[in-house]
Amino acid sequence: MDENGNMYYNIIQSDLSLKEYYAQIQEQVDNGKNQDLLDGGEKVALNFIKEYLDHNFAKPYMFEFYENASIEDFF
């Protein structure tokens, strides 16, 4: 969720099933690729915002990142 209350959802552009898609990503990380996926979420979230929402100006200070967020955190 950003500072305006907008919620962002994962958009998967793949012909693979979700199980296959995530297994492929896990294999890439295990092989040393896409290491940003291991950082706890901030880089992943910013990458999503930049790539899928085309907000190239996004910076970490613009967002409040939650770890172990519950649904109540979004209302």
Protein backbone atom coordinates (compact mmCIF):
# COMPACT_ATOMS: atom_id res chain seq x y z
CA MET A 1 0.00 0.00 0.00
CA ASP A 2 1.37 3.44 -0.81
CA GLU A 3 0.92 6.74 1.01
CA ASN A 4 -2.36 7.36 -0.84
CA GLY A 5 -3.94 4.10 0.30
CA ASN A 6 -3.53 2.39 -3.08
CA MET A 7 -3.13 -1.36 -2.83
CA TYR A 8 -0.93 -3.17 -5.34
CA TYR A 9 -1.44 -6.74 -6.44
CA ASN A 10 0.94 -9.18 -8.01
CA ILE A 11 0.60 -9.34 -11.78
CA ILE A 12 2.10 -12.47 -13.27
CA GLN A 13 2.65 -12.39 -17.00
CA SER A 14 3.36 -16.03 -17.72
CA ASP A 15 1.79 -19.02 -19.39
CA LEU A 16 3.03 -21.21 -16.53
CA SER A 17 0.85 -22.30 -13.64
CA LEU A 18 1.49 -20.42 -10.39
CA LYS A 19 3.26 -23.47 -8.98
CA GLU A 20 5.55 -23.70 -12.01
CA TYR A 21 6.12 -19.93 -12.09
CA TYR A 22 7.21 -19.72 -8.46
CA ALA A 23 9.29 -22.90 -8.74
CA GLN A 24 11.13 -21.27 -11.65
CA ILE A 25 11.77 -18.12 -9.62
CA GLN A 26 12.99 -20.19 -6.66
CA GLU A 27 15.38 -22.05 -8.96
CA GLN A 28 16.73 -18.75 -10.32
CA VAL A 29 17.35 -17.42 -6.80
CA ASP A 30 18.95 -20.72 -5.78
CA ASN A 31 21.30 -20.32 -8.76
CA GLY A 32 22.33 -16.80 -7.73
CA LYS A 33 20.02 -14.80 -10.00
CA ASN A 34 17.40 -12.21 -8.93
CA GLN A 35 18.95 -11.87 -5.48
CA ASP A 36 16.87 -8.72 -4.87
CA LEU A 37 13.98 -11.09 -4.18
CA LEU A 38 15.66 -12.00 -0.88
CA ASP A 39 15.80 -8.51 0.64
CA GLY A 40 12.60 -8.62 2.66
CA GLY A 41 10.32 -6.95 0.17
CA GLU A 42 11.29 -3.32 -0.32
CA LYS A 43 13.25 -3.86 -3.55
CA VAL A 44 10.60 -6.27 -4.79
CA ALA A 45 7.85 -3.72 -4.12
CA LEU A 46 9.75 -0.85 -5.73
CA ASN A 47 10.58 -2.99 -8.75
CA PHE A 48 6.89 -3.84 -9.14
CA ILE A 49 5.88 -0.19 -8.92
CA LYS A 50 8.50 0.86 -11.45
CA GLU A 51 7.95 -1.99 -13.94
CA TYR A 52 4.22 -2.54 -13.85
CA LEU A 53 2.89 0.84 -12.81
CA ASP A 54 5.52 2.86 -14.70
CA HIS A 55 6.36 5.08 -11.71
CA ASN A 56 10.09 5.37 -12.35
CA PHE A 57 10.39 8.07 -9.71
CA ALA A 58 9.41 5.74 -6.83
CA LYS A 59 11.78 5.88 -3.85
CA PRO A 60 11.69 3.91 -0.57
CA TYR A 61 10.92 7.00 1.54
CA MET A 62 7.62 7.41 -0.33
CA PHE A 63 6.21 4.18 1.11
CA GLU A 64 5.60 2.52 4.43
CA PHE A 65 6.72 -1.08 4.19
CA TYR A 66 5.14 -3.68 6.45
CA GLU A 67 6.68 -6.97 7.40
CA ASN A 68 4.24 -9.60 8.61
CA ALA A 69 1.35 -7.29 7.81
CA SER A 70 -2.17 -8.30 8.68
CA ILE A 71 -5.27 -7.39 6.71
CA GLU A 72 -6.09 -4.74 9.33
CA ASP A 73 -2.93 -2.85 8.34
CA PHE A 74 -4.56 -2.05 5.01
CA PHE A 75 -7.76 -0.47 6.29
